[in-house]
Amino acid sequence: MGSIDRIVRIALAAVVVALYFLEVINGTVAIIGIALAGILLATSFLNFCPLYLPFGISKCKK
């Protein structure tokens, strides 16, 4: 996973969490958003996205 991909994932997760705490999103949307934010953070810190494997995508510079 490239550095730009990691930064975008962390930024998106931060936006979702901010929307949750500002009570812009709530209910089912909030639960799904927080779950997706957790997945985005986990994949960015692990430098691995399991969805890239079946499609043969690589964002790393060689």
Protein backbone atom coordinates (compact mmCIF):
# COMPACT_ATOMS: atom_id res chain seq x y z
CA MET A 1 0.00 0.00 0.00
CA GLY A 2 1.36 3.37 -0.97
CA SER A 3 1.70 6.35 1.32
CA ILE A 4 -1.00 8.36 -0.47
CA ASP A 5 -3.42 5.45 -0.08
CA ARG A 6 -2.65 5.27 3.65
CA ILE A 7 -3.13 9.02 4.11
CA VAL A 8 -6.48 8.99 2.28
CA ARG A 9 -7.72 6.05 4.38
CA ILE A 10 -6.73 7.73 7.65
CA ALA A 11 -8.34 11.02 6.55
CA LEU A 12 -11.60 9.28 5.60
CA ALA A 13 -11.69 7.44 8.91
CA ALA A 14 -11.09 10.72 10.77
CA VAL A 15 -13.96 12.40 8.89
CA VAL A 16 -16.37 9.57 9.73
CA VAL A 17 -15.39 9.63 13.41
CA ALA A 18 -15.75 13.43 13.51
CA LEU A 19 -19.19 13.20 11.92
CA TYR A 20 -20.18 10.65 14.54
CA PHE A 21 -19.01 12.75 17.49
CA LEU A 22 -20.60 15.89 16.04
CA GLU A 23 -23.84 13.87 15.81
CA VAL A 24 -24.19 14.47 12.09
CA ILE A 25 -24.59 10.73 11.57
CA ASN A 26 -26.40 8.44 13.99
CA GLY A 27 -28.20 5.13 14.18
CA THR A 28 -27.44 2.44 11.63
CA VAL A 29 -25.46 4.81 9.43
CA ALA A 30 -23.20 5.64 12.38
CA ILE A 31 -22.62 1.97 13.20
CA ILE A 32 -21.72 1.16 9.61
CA GLY A 33 -19.55 4.28 9.34
CA ILE A 34 -17.61 3.53 12.51
CA ALA A 35 -17.08 -0.07 11.40
CA LEU A 36 -15.76 1.10 8.03
CA ALA A 37 -13.55 3.68 9.75
CA GLY A 38 -12.09 0.91 11.89
CA ILE A 39 -11.39 -1.20 8.82
CA LEU A 40 -9.78 1.75 7.04
CA LEU A 41 -7.54 2.48 10.03
CA ALA A 42 -6.58 -1.17 10.47
CA THR A 43 -5.64 -1.62 6.83
CA SER A 44 -3.68 1.62 6.77
CA PHE A 45 -1.64 0.71 9.86
CA LEU A 46 -1.06 -2.84 8.65
CA ASN A 47 -0.07 -1.60 5.16
CA PHE A 48 -2.20 -4.33 3.65
CA CYS A 49 -5.59 -4.32 1.95
CA PRO A 50 -7.14 -7.76 1.42
CA LEU A 51 -9.35 -6.43 -1.39
CA TYR A 52 -6.28 -5.70 -3.51
CA LEU A 53 -5.26 -9.37 -3.71
CA PRO A 54 -8.06 -10.76 -5.93
CA PHE A 55 -7.71 -7.86 -8.35
CA GLY A 56 -3.90 -7.89 -8.45
CA ILE A 57 -3.70 -4.21 -7.46
CA SER A 58 -0.50 -2.88 -5.95
CA LYS A 59 -0.08 0.74 -4.87
CA CYS A 60 3.55 0.32 -3.81
CA LYS A 61 6.25 1.87 -5.89
CA LYS A 62 8.75 -0.64 -7.19
